[in-house]
Amino acid sequence: MSELSHETGRQVGVLLNRKGQVEYVMVGNAKQIEMPDFGRARVSKDRFRGLRCVHTHLQGEKLTQDDLTDLALLRLDLMSIVQVDAKTGLPGMVYSAHLVPMSAKEVDESVDDTASEPYQFLEPNIPSQLDTDFLQLITSLEAEMARVSESARIRSTGRERAILVGVTTGDIDEERESMTELEELTVSADVTVVDSFIQRRPQIDPRTVLGRGKLDDLLVRSMRLGADLLIFDTELSPAQVRSLSDATELKVIDRPQLILDIFAQRAQSREGKLQVELAQLKYLLPRLVIGQNSAFSRLAGGIGGRGPGETKLETDRRRVRDRIAQLERQVDALGRQRQERRKNRLQKHLPIISLVGYTNAGKSTLLNALTQSEVFAQKKMFATLDPTSRRLRLPYEQEVIINDTVGFIRDLPDALVSAFRATLEEISDSSLLVHVVDASNPRVLQQIASVDHILEELELNKIPQIIAFNKADLLGESEITALQREINSDIDSVAVSATEKATLRPLTELIGNRIGRMLTDAAMLPMTGVYAEANG
């Protein structure tokens, strides 16, 4: 190998199996060598590939980062390079490295940037002095990998393991806040977060988002941590999804897909399930791309269907469009039924109060506390998808209908907003919005701004609003006062704790006063459902 490499001026290499037989021969250029394409041949997480690479270096280099990346991504048994003497062509020093199994602690916890390297280097030596028992080394490494892998499987209880990826061209602190929220979303989807990182770039890579070098580092990291999927804190384009899927066997999803998946898990009613499926298909349609062999797949013709027919991609797109049209008809029909129910409520001249706010702010818990109901409430994002209505008797014998609505979140997928528009129309008939805020959340002001932005997009910002600072029991009085000073002074606010009923009296009195004023201002006109007109 050294002689051939010296004569040709190219790196030469072989891949050897564990019996010492040559499986592949590779020839590169003077600076690098390219590994064969193993396709989608999977390797067990507790085993190596069963091949070790030996190749030459012509310029006196030791193991390069490319060598180590190939070692990790291909899960090779060993990576060895032989330095070739530039004058004589004789072999010089041999440098070798192998992968290191993770410790149980590293598998359990996120690994920070100071974690140990995934490689271990053998003592360099000349070929005649190499005396490592290679088979014994590999056997012991695989035994340790199997032990750690089994231990991790027992502890993970079957949940998927994810690495969160944030890429930004702007403020790094703002991206950190977004990543914290992404982690909350991931946990709400019953996925274990094993690691996360943020990369700041001058511009987003149009193909791989991260850039090729950082992507290789990420794939090595995911291999060590036993990750099953990568979750990006941004919306991926179809080209980016395709490039990332070509680079790794891991499942790759983005923030909108994660939110859609959570909605799919939470949907209980027929209407909720239809709306979620509609949102998923609308998101999927532009991301249907040509896969392997799909451009020349079977024609959908046959007897009575002669002509060019359709490719598989065109067929898939047509079927998705047909299903979207069918779902939209069903959702519209359910929306008309909901409208009829709303008309019946309006005919009873009962004011409607809607609880709106960021997801996981405590809206359902507050509804239960106010109405002595047992609506499903859980400390998870998007625990409520289907709107719930209950009657509430306010002080001074006033009676209203109070609605619990789906929570908002920033960067809510457009497809989801569109699909749930019929549900969100429940809010449009409200006499008053109670904006429920998690006062204990460190991102409370950003969440208030996000909800206000979504209400404005839905043209619901004209409805009168009050703010309920929920979870106030977790803050001091001075902190609540500071928050109230930060918000719009034209909006009334009150501090409550949905788990402490004694704190709810000021909220019900504030609602009663606002409703009473509206009725007076409207001069007792019949309820229209939209109080903007009554208020001039």
Protein backbone atom coordinates (compact mmCIF):
# COMPACT_ATOMS: atom_id res chain seq x y z
CA MET A 1 0.00 0.00 0.00
CA SER A 2 2.79 2.44 0.88
CA GLU A 3 4.65 1.69 -2.35
CA LEU A 4 1.53 2.09 -4.52
CA SER A 5 0.58 5.27 -2.73
CA HIS A 6 4.10 6.71 -3.20
CA GLU A 7 4.17 5.82 -6.92
CA THR A 8 0.70 7.19 -7.72
CA GLY A 9 0.79 10.20 -5.42
CA ARG A 10 -2.62 9.16 -4.07
CA GLN A 11 -3.92 7.86 -0.77
CA VAL A 12 -4.67 4.14 -0.92
CA GLY A 13 -6.78 2.26 1.61
CA VAL A 14 -8.54 -1.00 2.42
CA LEU A 15 -11.43 -2.07 4.62
CA LEU A 16 -10.70 -5.35 6.41
CA ASN A 17 -13.21 -7.65 8.07
CA ARG A 18 -12.51 -9.33 11.39
CA LYS A 19 -10.94 -12.31 9.68
CA GLY A 20 -8.37 -10.00 8.09
CA GLN A 21 -9.89 -10.33 4.62
CA VAL A 22 -10.07 -7.32 2.31
CA GLU A 23 -13.66 -6.23 1.70
CA TYR A 24 -13.08 -2.91 -0.10
CA VAL A 25 -10.17 -1.18 -1.82
CA MET A 26 -10.18 2.62 -2.01
CA VAL A 27 -8.05 5.10 -3.98
CA GLY A 28 -8.28 8.83 -3.27
CA ASN A 29 -6.21 11.88 -4.08
CA ALA A 30 -3.10 13.26 -2.37
CA LYS A 31 -5.05 14.74 0.55
CA GLN A 32 -8.04 12.53 1.22
CA ILE A 33 -9.77 9.25 0.53
CA GLU A 34 -13.47 8.61 0.09
CA MET A 35 -15.24 5.80 1.89
CA PRO A 36 -17.58 3.47 -0.04
CA ASP A 37 -21.31 4.13 0.15
CA PHE A 38 -22.83 1.64 2.55
CA GLY A 39 -26.31 2.88 1.67
CA ARG A 40 -28.89 2.40 4.40
CA ALA A 41 -27.24 -0.68 5.85
CA ARG A 42 -28.05 -0.32 9.53
CA VAL A 43 -25.70 -1.17 12.36
CA SER A 44 -26.94 -2.17 15.79
CA LYS A 45 -26.44 0.49 18.47
CA ASP A 46 -24.41 -1.95 20.57
CA ARG A 47 -22.12 -3.16 17.77
CA PHE A 48 -19.53 -1.81 15.35
CA ARG A 49 -19.70 -2.38 11.60
CA GLY A 50 -17.20 -5.25 11.64
CA LEU A 51 -14.76 -3.43 9.33
CA ARG A 52 -11.53 -1.60 10.11
CA CYS A 53 -10.01 0.96 7.78
CA VAL A 54 -6.28 1.18 6.99
CA HIS A 55 -5.16 3.86 4.55
CA THR A 56 -2.09 5.92 3.73
CA HIS A 57 -1.20 9.57 4.36
CA LEU A 58 1.35 11.19 2.04
CA GLN A 59 2.04 14.51 3.76
CA GLY A 60 3.01 13.41 7.24
CA GLU A 61 -0.47 13.97 8.72
CA LYS A 62 -1.72 12.08 11.73
CA LEU A 63 -5.39 11.13 12.03
CA THR A 64 -7.45 14.00 10.61
CA GLN A 65 -10.89 15.19 11.66
CA ASP A 66 -12.30 13.63 8.47
CA ASP A 67 -10.80 10.28 9.51
CA LEU A 68 -12.40 10.53 12.96
CA THR A 69 -15.75 11.61 11.51
CA ASP A 70 -15.77 8.60 9.16
CA LEU A 71 -14.85 6.35 12.09
CA ALA A 72 -17.85 7.60 14.08
CA LEU A 73 -20.50 7.93 11.38
CA LEU A 74 -19.69 4.58 9.75
CA ARG A 75 -19.20 2.93 13.17
CA LEU A 76 -15.97 1.30 12.00
CA ASP A 77 -14.09 -1.05 14.29
CA LEU A 78 -10.87 0.92 13.91
CA MET A 79 -9.38 3.74 11.86
CA SER A 80 -5.65 3.45 11.10
CA ILE A 81 -3.44 5.63 8.93
CA VAL A 82 0.06 4.77 7.71
CA GLN A 83 2.43 7.65 7.09
CA VAL A 84 4.38 7.18 3.83
CA ASP A 85 7.98 8.38 3.66
CA ALA A 86 8.10 11.05 0.93
CA LYS A 87 11.57 9.99 -0.27
CA THR A 88 11.60 6.21 -0.04
CA GLY A 89 7.90 5.32 -0.10
CA LEU A 90 8.40 3.07 2.93
CA PRO A 91 5.75 2.91 5.65
CA GLY A 92 6.36 5.11 8.69
CA MET A 93 4.33 5.53 11.88
CA VAL A 94 0.86 4.02 12.21
CA TYR A 95 -1.77 6.05 14.07
CA SER A 96 -5.04 4.38 15.14
CA ALA A 97 -8.23 5.30 16.97
CA HIS A 98 -11.42 3.53 17.99
CA LEU A 99 -14.76 4.66 19.35
CA VAL A 100 -15.36 4.80 23.09
CA PRO A 101 -18.66 3.55 24.56
CA MET A 102 -20.51 6.15 26.60
CA SER A 103 -20.79 5.84 30.34
CA ALA A 104 -24.19 5.20 31.92
CA LYS A 105 -24.13 8.74 33.32
CA GLU A 106 -23.60 10.25 29.86
CA VAL A 107 -26.50 8.22 28.47
CA ASP A 108 -28.79 9.37 31.30
CA GLU A 109 -27.90 13.06 31.14
CA SER A 110 -27.29 15.66 28.48
CA VAL A 111 -23.64 15.84 27.52
CA ASP A 112 -22.19 19.34 27.56
CA ASP A 113 -19.48 20.74 25.33
CA THR A 114 -16.78 19.70 27.81
CA ALA A 115 -17.73 16.01 27.64
CA SER A 116 -15.10 13.43 26.85
CA GLU A 117 -14.22 12.79 23.22
CA PRO A 118 -15.91 9.81 21.57
CA TYR A 119 -12.52 8.48 20.38
CA GLN A 120 -9.57 6.83 22.02
CA PHE A 121 -6.16 6.84 20.36
CA LEU A 122 -3.81 3.86 20.42
CA GLU A 123 -0.10 4.37 20.97
CA PRO A 124 1.48 5.18 17.57
CA ASN A 125 4.13 2.75 16.40
CA ILE A 126 5.87 1.40 13.33
CA PRO A 127 4.06 -1.51 11.62
CA SER A 128 6.48 -4.19 12.84
CA GLN A 129 5.97 -3.18 16.49
CA LEU A 130 2.16 -3.17 16.55
CA ASP A 131 1.08 -5.74 19.15
CA THR A 132 -2.53 -4.81 20.08
CA ASP A 133 -4.88 -7.80 20.35
CA PHE A 134 -7.45 -6.30 18.00
CA LEU A 135 -10.22 -8.90 18.38
CA GLN A 136 -10.03 -8.81 22.17
CA LEU A 137 -10.20 -5.00 22.11
CA ILE A 138 -13.28 -4.93 19.87
CA THR A 139 -15.04 -7.68 21.82
CA SER A 140 -14.58 -5.85 25.12
CA LEU A 141 -15.77 -2.54 23.61
CA GLU A 142 -18.90 -4.11 22.16
CA ALA A 143 -19.65 -5.85 25.46
CA GLU A 144 -19.49 -2.49 27.24
CA MET A 145 -21.66 -0.86 24.55
CA ALA A 146 -24.27 -3.60 24.92
CA ARG A 147 -24.32 -3.19 28.71
CA VAL A 148 -24.81 0.59 28.55
CA SER A 149 -27.36 0.30 25.75
CA GLU A 150 -29.45 -2.23 27.68
CA SER A 151 -29.30 -0.09 30.81
CA ALA A 152 -30.45 2.94 28.79
CA ARG A 153 -33.32 0.98 27.25
CA ILE A 154 -34.57 -0.04 30.68
CA ARG A 155 -34.47 3.52 31.96
CA SER A 156 -35.98 5.12 28.86
CA THR A 157 -39.25 3.09 29.17
CA GLY A 158 -39.55 2.97 25.40
CA ARG A 159 -39.61 6.75 24.85
CA GLU A 160 -37.82 8.26 21.88
CA ARG A 161 -34.62 10.20 22.57
CA ALA A 162 -34.13 13.56 20.87
CA ILE A 163 -31.43 16.15 20.30
CA LEU A 164 -32.76 19.71 19.98
CA VAL A 165 -31.08 21.95 17.40
CA GLY A 166 -31.32 25.73 17.34
CA VAL A 167 -29.85 27.84 14.55
CA THR A 168 -30.14 31.62 14.54
CA THR A 169 -28.82 34.64 12.69
CA GLY A 170 -30.06 37.03 15.37
CA ASP A 171 -30.03 37.45 19.13
CA ILE A 172 -28.65 34.39 20.92
CA ASP A 173 -30.62 35.09 24.13
CA GLU A 174 -33.88 35.12 22.22
CA GLU A 175 -32.98 31.78 20.65
CA ARG A 176 -32.21 30.35 24.09
CA GLU A 177 -35.72 31.27 25.21
CA SER A 178 -37.15 29.63 22.11
CA MET A 179 -35.08 26.49 22.78
CA THR A 180 -36.37 26.35 26.37
CA GLU A 181 -39.88 26.36 24.97
CA LEU A 182 -38.95 23.73 22.40
CA GLU A 183 -37.74 21.50 25.23
CA GLU A 184 -41.08 21.95 27.02
CA LEU A 185 -42.88 20.99 23.80
CA THR A 186 -40.67 17.93 23.38
CA VAL A 187 -41.32 16.73 26.94
CA SER A 188 -45.06 17.32 26.37
CA ALA A 189 -44.79 14.99 23.36
CA ASP A 190 -43.42 12.25 25.68
CA VAL A 191 -39.95 12.41 24.14
CA THR A 192 -36.76 12.37 26.21
CA VAL A 193 -34.37 15.26 25.52
CA VAL A 194 -30.80 13.95 25.66
CA ASP A 195 -29.01 17.04 24.40
CA SER A 196 -29.49 20.46 22.82
CA PHE A 197 -27.30 23.13 21.28
CA ILE A 198 -27.54 26.47 19.50
CA GLN A 199 -25.43 27.62 16.54
CA ARG A 200 -25.23 31.26 15.53
CA ARG A 201 -24.53 31.75 11.82
CA PRO A 202 -24.29 34.74 9.44
CA GLN A 203 -27.00 33.02 7.41
CA ILE A 204 -28.93 29.75 7.47
CA ASP A 205 -27.44 27.07 5.23
CA PRO A 206 -30.05 26.54 2.47
CA ARG A 207 -29.32 22.80 2.31
CA THR A 208 -28.42 21.52 5.76
CA VAL A 209 -29.39 24.51 8.00
CA LEU A 210 -26.23 23.98 10.10
CA GLY A 211 -23.48 23.65 7.58
CA ARG A 212 -21.78 20.37 6.72
CA GLY A 213 -19.08 20.40 9.40
CA LYS A 214 -21.46 21.12 12.27
CA LEU A 215 -23.89 18.55 10.90
CA ASP A 216 -21.17 15.89 11.04
CA ASP A 217 -20.46 16.84 14.66
CA LEU A 218 -24.18 16.59 15.42
CA LEU A 219 -24.42 13.13 13.86
CA VAL A 220 -21.43 11.92 15.88
CA ARG A 221 -23.07 13.33 19.01
CA SER A 222 -26.38 11.65 18.23
CA MET A 223 -24.64 8.32 17.65
CA ARG A 224 -22.93 8.50 21.04
CA LEU A 225 -26.10 9.53 22.88
CA GLY A 226 -28.29 6.91 21.22
CA ALA A 227 -30.65 9.58 19.85
CA ASP A 228 -33.60 8.54 17.68
CA LEU A 229 -34.53 11.92 16.24
CA LEU A 230 -33.35 15.47 15.62
CA ILE A 231 -35.77 18.32 16.35
CA PHE A 232 -35.00 21.68 14.74
CA ASP A 233 -36.29 24.90 16.32
CA THR A 234 -37.24 26.31 12.94
CA GLU A 235 -39.41 25.38 9.99
CA LEU A 236 -37.46 23.23 7.53
CA SER A 237 -37.91 23.62 3.81
CA PRO A 238 -38.53 20.51 1.66
CA ALA A 239 -34.95 20.75 0.30
CA GLN A 240 -33.52 20.89 3.82
CA VAL A 241 -35.59 17.90 4.94
CA ARG A 242 -34.33 15.94 1.94
CA SER A 243 -30.67 16.88 2.52
CA LEU A 244 -30.83 16.04 6.23
CA SER A 245 -32.60 12.73 5.56
CA ASP A 246 -29.90 11.80 3.04
CA ALA A 247 -27.21 12.55 5.64
CA THR A 248 -28.65 10.50 8.48
CA GLU A 249 -30.96 7.60 9.27
CA LEU A 250 -32.34 9.54 12.24
CA LYS A 251 -35.86 10.91 12.09
CA VAL A 252 -35.73 14.66 11.35
CA ILE A 253 -38.62 16.93 12.35
CA ASP A 254 -39.07 20.66 12.87
CA ARG A 255 -40.95 22.82 15.37
CA PRO A 256 -44.28 22.94 13.42
CA GLN A 257 -44.24 19.14 13.01
CA LEU A 258 -43.66 18.72 16.73
CA ILE A 259 -46.63 20.96 17.56
CA LEU A 260 -48.79 19.05 15.07
CA ASP A 261 -47.73 15.77 16.67
CA ILE A 262 -48.72 17.04 20.12
CA PHE A 263 -52.11 18.09 18.76
CA ALA A 264 -52.52 14.63 17.24
CA GLN A 265 -51.81 13.02 20.63
CA ARG A 266 -54.25 15.30 22.46
CA ALA A 267 -57.20 15.30 20.02
CA GLN A 268 -60.18 13.47 21.55
CA SER A 269 -63.32 14.63 19.77
CA ARG A 270 -64.16 13.80 16.17
CA GLU A 271 -63.90 17.47 15.23
CA GLY A 272 -60.50 17.79 16.91
CA LYS A 273 -59.15 14.72 15.11
CA LEU A 274 -60.42 15.97 11.75
CA GLN A 275 -58.85 19.39 12.27
CA VAL A 276 -55.50 17.89 13.26
CA GLU A 277 -55.44 15.56 10.25
CA LEU A 278 -56.33 18.50 7.99
CA ALA A 279 -53.49 20.58 9.45
CA GLN A 280 -51.00 17.72 9.05
CA LEU A 281 -51.94 17.14 5.40
CA LYS A 282 -51.74 20.85 4.57
CA TYR A 283 -48.28 20.89 6.11
CA LEU A 284 -47.27 17.70 4.27
CA LEU A 285 -48.48 18.65 0.77
CA PRO A 286 -45.70 21.11 -0.21
CA ARG A 287 -43.16 18.74 1.36
CA LEU A 288 -44.03 15.79 -0.85
CA VAL A 289 -40.89 15.49 -2.96
CA ILE A 290 -39.52 13.03 -5.46
CA GLY A 291 -38.16 10.01 -3.64
CA GLN A 292 -36.05 7.18 -4.96
CA ASN A 293 -37.40 5.86 -8.26
CA SER A 294 -40.68 7.77 -7.85
CA ALA A 295 -40.19 9.76 -11.06
CA PHE A 296 -40.27 6.56 -13.11
CA SER A 297 -42.69 4.55 -11.00
CA ARG A 298 -45.59 2.52 -12.33
CA LEU A 299 -48.15 4.40 -14.34
CA ALA A 300 -51.60 4.69 -12.78
CA GLY A 301 -53.24 3.86 -16.10
CA GLY A 302 -54.09 0.49 -17.61
CA ILE A 303 -57.18 -0.54 -19.57
CA GLY A 304 -59.28 2.59 -19.97
CA GLY A 305 -56.44 4.71 -18.65
CA ARG A 306 -53.97 4.91 -21.51
CA GLY A 307 -51.62 7.82 -21.97
CA PRO A 308 -48.77 9.20 -19.92
CA GLY A 309 -50.52 8.55 -16.62
CA GLU A 310 -49.10 9.88 -13.34
CA THR A 311 -45.88 9.42 -11.48
CA LYS A 312 -46.08 8.20 -7.92
CA LEU A 313 -45.35 11.71 -6.65
CA GLU A 314 -48.23 13.18 -8.67
CA THR A 315 -50.53 10.42 -7.44
CA ASP A 316 -49.56 11.07 -3.82
CA ARG A 317 -50.18 14.79 -4.22
CA ARG A 318 -53.57 14.22 -5.85
CA ARG A 319 -54.63 11.86 -3.08
CA VAL A 320 -53.55 14.36 -0.42
CA ARG A 321 -55.46 17.18 -2.17
CA ASP A 322 -58.55 15.00 -2.40
CA ARG A 323 -58.32 14.11 1.29
CA ILE A 324 -57.81 17.80 2.21
CA ALA A 325 -60.93 18.77 0.24
CA GLN A 326 -62.92 15.98 1.95
CA LEU A 327 -61.73 17.01 5.42
CA GLU A 328 -62.48 20.68 4.75
CA ARG A 329 -66.07 19.79 3.83
CA GLN A 330 -66.45 17.79 7.06
CA VAL A 331 -64.88 20.54 9.19
CA ASP A 332 -67.13 23.16 7.54
CA ALA A 333 -70.19 21.01 8.30
CA LEU A 334 -69.15 20.68 11.94
CA GLY A 335 -68.49 24.42 12.00
CA ARG A 336 -72.08 25.09 10.87
CA GLN A 337 -73.35 22.81 13.63
CA ARG A 338 -71.22 24.72 16.14
CA GLN A 339 -72.62 27.99 14.79
CA GLU A 340 -76.15 26.75 15.40
CA ARG A 341 -75.28 25.87 18.99
CA ARG A 342 -73.78 29.34 19.45
CA LYS A 343 -76.98 30.92 18.12
CA ASN A 344 -78.99 29.00 20.70
CA ARG A 345 -76.75 30.29 23.46
CA LEU A 346 -76.96 33.86 22.17
CA GLN A 347 -80.77 33.70 22.06
CA LYS A 348 -80.70 33.14 25.80
CA HIS A 349 -79.02 36.56 26.13
CA LEU A 350 -76.21 35.21 28.28
CA PRO A 351 -72.86 37.01 27.97
CA ILE A 352 -69.99 34.78 26.80
CA ILE A 353 -66.59 34.91 28.49
CA SER A 354 -63.63 33.18 26.79
CA LEU A 355 -60.45 32.16 28.56
CA VAL A 356 -57.56 32.75 26.17
CA GLY A 357 -53.83 32.62 26.69
CA TYR A 358 -50.56 30.88 26.11
CA THR A 359 -50.53 27.11 26.29
CA ASN A 360 -50.03 25.67 29.79
CA ALA A 361 -51.01 28.96 31.47
CA GLY A 362 -53.67 27.20 33.59
CA LYS A 363 -56.89 28.03 31.67
CA SER A 364 -58.55 24.63 32.22
CA THR A 365 -57.59 24.60 35.90
CA LEU A 366 -59.07 28.09 36.28
CA LEU A 367 -62.30 27.01 34.53
CA ASN A 368 -62.61 24.05 36.90
CA ALA A 369 -62.05 26.29 39.92
CA LEU A 370 -64.60 28.89 38.77
CA THR A 371 -67.37 26.45 37.76
CA GLN A 372 -66.67 23.41 40.00
CA SER A 373 -66.17 21.36 36.82
CA GLU A 374 -63.85 18.49 36.04
CA VAL A 375 -62.54 19.51 32.63
CA PHE A 376 -59.32 17.66 31.77
CA ALA A 377 -56.37 19.72 32.98
CA GLN A 378 -52.74 18.68 32.97
CA LYS A 379 -49.40 20.45 33.29
CA LYS A 380 -48.58 19.85 29.65
CA MET A 381 -48.65 22.00 26.56
CA PHE A 382 -51.90 21.83 24.57
CA ALA A 383 -53.70 19.63 27.10
CA THR A 384 -56.93 21.28 25.84
CA LEU A 385 -57.83 21.09 22.15
CA ASP A 386 -61.62 20.94 22.22
CA PRO A 387 -63.37 24.08 23.52
CA THR A 388 -65.50 23.53 26.62
CA SER A 389 -68.38 25.73 27.78
CA ARG A 390 -69.74 25.99 31.32
CA ARG A 391 -72.19 28.28 33.08
CA LEU A 392 -70.82 30.58 35.73
CA ARG A 393 -72.82 32.56 38.30
CA LEU A 394 -71.11 35.83 39.12
CA PRO A 395 -71.67 38.05 42.15
CA TYR A 396 -74.95 40.01 42.17
CA GLU A 397 -76.81 37.07 40.54
CA GLN A 398 -75.32 37.58 37.08
CA GLU A 399 -74.98 34.47 34.94
CA VAL A 400 -72.56 34.01 32.03
CA ILE A 401 -71.21 31.26 29.79
CA ILE A 402 -67.45 30.73 30.14
CA ASN A 403 -65.39 29.02 27.40
CA ASP A 404 -62.08 27.19 27.73
CA THR A 405 -60.14 27.47 24.46
CA VAL A 406 -57.06 25.95 22.85
CA GLY A 407 -53.81 27.51 24.01
CA PHE A 408 -51.68 29.74 21.80
CA ILE A 409 -47.95 29.56 21.18
CA ARG A 410 -45.57 31.66 19.14
CA ASP A 411 -44.84 30.44 15.61
CA LEU A 412 -48.10 28.46 15.60
CA PRO A 413 -48.16 26.67 12.21
CA ASP A 414 -50.36 28.47 9.69
CA ALA A 415 -51.92 25.15 8.68
CA LEU A 416 -52.97 24.61 12.29
CA VAL A 417 -54.51 28.07 12.63
CA SER A 418 -56.39 27.52 9.38
CA ALA A 419 -57.67 24.08 10.38
CA PHE A 420 -58.76 25.25 13.85
CA ARG A 421 -60.41 28.44 12.58
CA ALA A 422 -63.88 26.98 13.16
CA THR A 423 -62.94 26.25 16.77
CA LEU A 424 -61.36 29.67 17.23
CA GLU A 425 -64.56 31.27 15.97
CA GLU A 426 -65.98 30.41 19.38
CA ILE A 427 -63.91 33.31 20.67
CA SER A 428 -65.41 35.78 18.16
CA ASP A 429 -68.82 35.65 19.87
CA SER A 430 -67.33 36.55 23.24
CA SER A 431 -68.45 39.56 25.23
CA LEU A 432 -65.16 39.57 27.13
CA LEU A 433 -61.79 37.84 26.92
CA VAL A 434 -59.99 36.77 30.08
CA HIS A 435 -56.33 36.57 29.08
CA VAL A 436 -54.90 33.97 31.46
CA VAL A 437 -51.16 34.48 32.02
CA ASP A 438 -48.66 32.25 33.81
CA ALA A 439 -47.18 34.98 36.00
CA SER A 440 -44.42 32.66 37.23
CA ASN A 441 -43.03 32.01 33.75
CA PRO A 442 -39.76 33.90 33.11
CA ARG A 443 -40.96 34.60 29.55
CA VAL A 444 -44.31 36.04 30.68
CA LEU A 445 -44.03 39.34 28.78
CA GLN A 446 -43.06 37.59 25.54
CA GLN A 447 -45.99 35.20 25.98
CA ILE A 448 -48.42 38.08 26.49
CA ALA A 449 -47.08 39.71 23.31
CA SER A 450 -47.43 36.43 21.36
CA VAL A 451 -51.07 35.99 22.42
CA ASP A 452 -51.87 39.62 21.56
CA HIS A 453 -50.27 39.12 18.14
CA ILE A 454 -52.34 35.98 17.42
CA LEU A 455 -55.56 37.69 18.57
CA GLU A 456 -54.77 40.55 16.21
CA GLU A 457 -54.14 38.13 13.32
CA LEU A 458 -57.50 36.47 14.02
CA GLU A 459 -59.15 39.93 14.21
CA LEU A 460 -60.22 39.27 17.80
CA ASN A 461 -58.25 42.13 19.37
CA LYS A 462 -61.30 44.45 19.36
CA ILE A 463 -63.09 42.34 21.98
CA PRO A 464 -62.74 43.81 25.50
CA GLN A 465 -60.07 42.05 27.54
CA ILE A 466 -58.85 41.67 31.10
CA ILE A 467 -55.68 39.93 32.25
CA ALA A 468 -55.61 37.28 34.99
CA PHE A 469 -52.12 36.77 36.35
CA ASN A 470 -52.41 33.10 37.30
CA LYS A 471 -50.04 31.21 39.62
CA ALA A 472 -49.57 34.41 41.62
CA ASP A 473 -48.97 32.29 44.72
CA LEU A 474 -45.51 31.53 43.27
CA LEU A 475 -44.54 35.22 43.23
CA GLY A 476 -44.23 38.02 45.74
CA GLU A 477 -46.61 40.98 45.82
CA SER A 478 -43.91 43.33 44.53
CA GLU A 479 -43.28 41.08 41.51
CA ILE A 480 -46.98 41.04 40.65
CA THR A 481 -47.12 44.83 40.95
CA ALA A 482 -44.10 45.16 38.65
CA LEU A 483 -45.80 42.92 36.07
CA GLN A 484 -49.00 44.95 36.19
CA ARG A 485 -46.99 48.11 35.52
CA GLU A 486 -45.37 46.48 32.46
CA ILE A 487 -48.65 45.76 30.64
CA ASN A 488 -50.99 48.08 28.77
CA SER A 489 -52.46 50.47 31.34
CA ASP A 490 -55.81 50.42 29.48
CA ILE A 491 -56.32 46.75 30.36
CA ASP A 492 -57.57 45.80 33.81
CA SER A 493 -55.63 43.01 35.52
CA VAL A 494 -55.97 40.90 38.64
CA ALA A 495 -53.72 38.37 40.38
CA VAL A 496 -55.19 34.89 41.02
CA SER A 497 -54.18 31.34 41.76
CA ALA A 498 -56.42 28.73 40.17
CA THR A 499 -55.51 26.29 42.95
CA GLU A 500 -56.58 28.70 45.72
CA LYS A 501 -60.29 29.53 45.45
CA ALA A 502 -60.02 32.40 47.94
CA THR A 503 -58.06 34.39 45.29
CA LEU A 504 -60.80 34.06 42.64
CA ARG A 505 -63.30 36.51 44.16
CA PRO A 506 -61.56 39.65 42.76
CA LEU A 507 -61.58 38.07 39.29
CA THR A 508 -65.30 37.24 39.32
CA GLU A 509 -66.10 40.72 40.65
CA LEU A 510 -64.01 42.33 37.89
CA ILE A 511 -65.78 40.21 35.25
CA GLY A 512 -69.17 41.10 36.77
CA ASN A 513 -68.38 44.81 36.77
CA ARG A 514 -67.21 44.75 33.13
CA ILE A 515 -70.25 42.77 31.97
CA GLY A 516 -72.55 45.08 33.93
CA ARG A 517 -71.03 48.14 32.30
CA MET A 518 -71.37 46.59 28.86
CA LEU A 519 -75.05 45.87 29.41
CA THR A 520 -75.59 49.40 30.62
CA ASP A 521 -73.65 50.92 27.70
CA ALA A 522 -75.63 48.80 25.26
CA ALA A 523 -78.81 50.18 26.79
CA MET A 524 -80.01 46.60 27.32
CA LEU A 525 -80.05 45.92 23.55
CA PRO A 526 -80.49 42.27 22.48
CA MET A 527 -77.22 40.38 22.54
CA THR A 528 -75.44 40.36 19.19
CA GLY A 529 -72.41 38.41 20.28
CA VAL A 530 -70.07 41.18 19.17
CA TYR A 531 -69.92 44.01 21.65
CA ALA A 532 -67.79 46.29 19.52
CA GLU A 533 -70.95 47.58 17.84
CA ALA A 534 -72.79 48.05 21.13
CA ASN A 535 -69.84 50.05 22.49
CA GLY A 536 -69.84 52.33 19.48
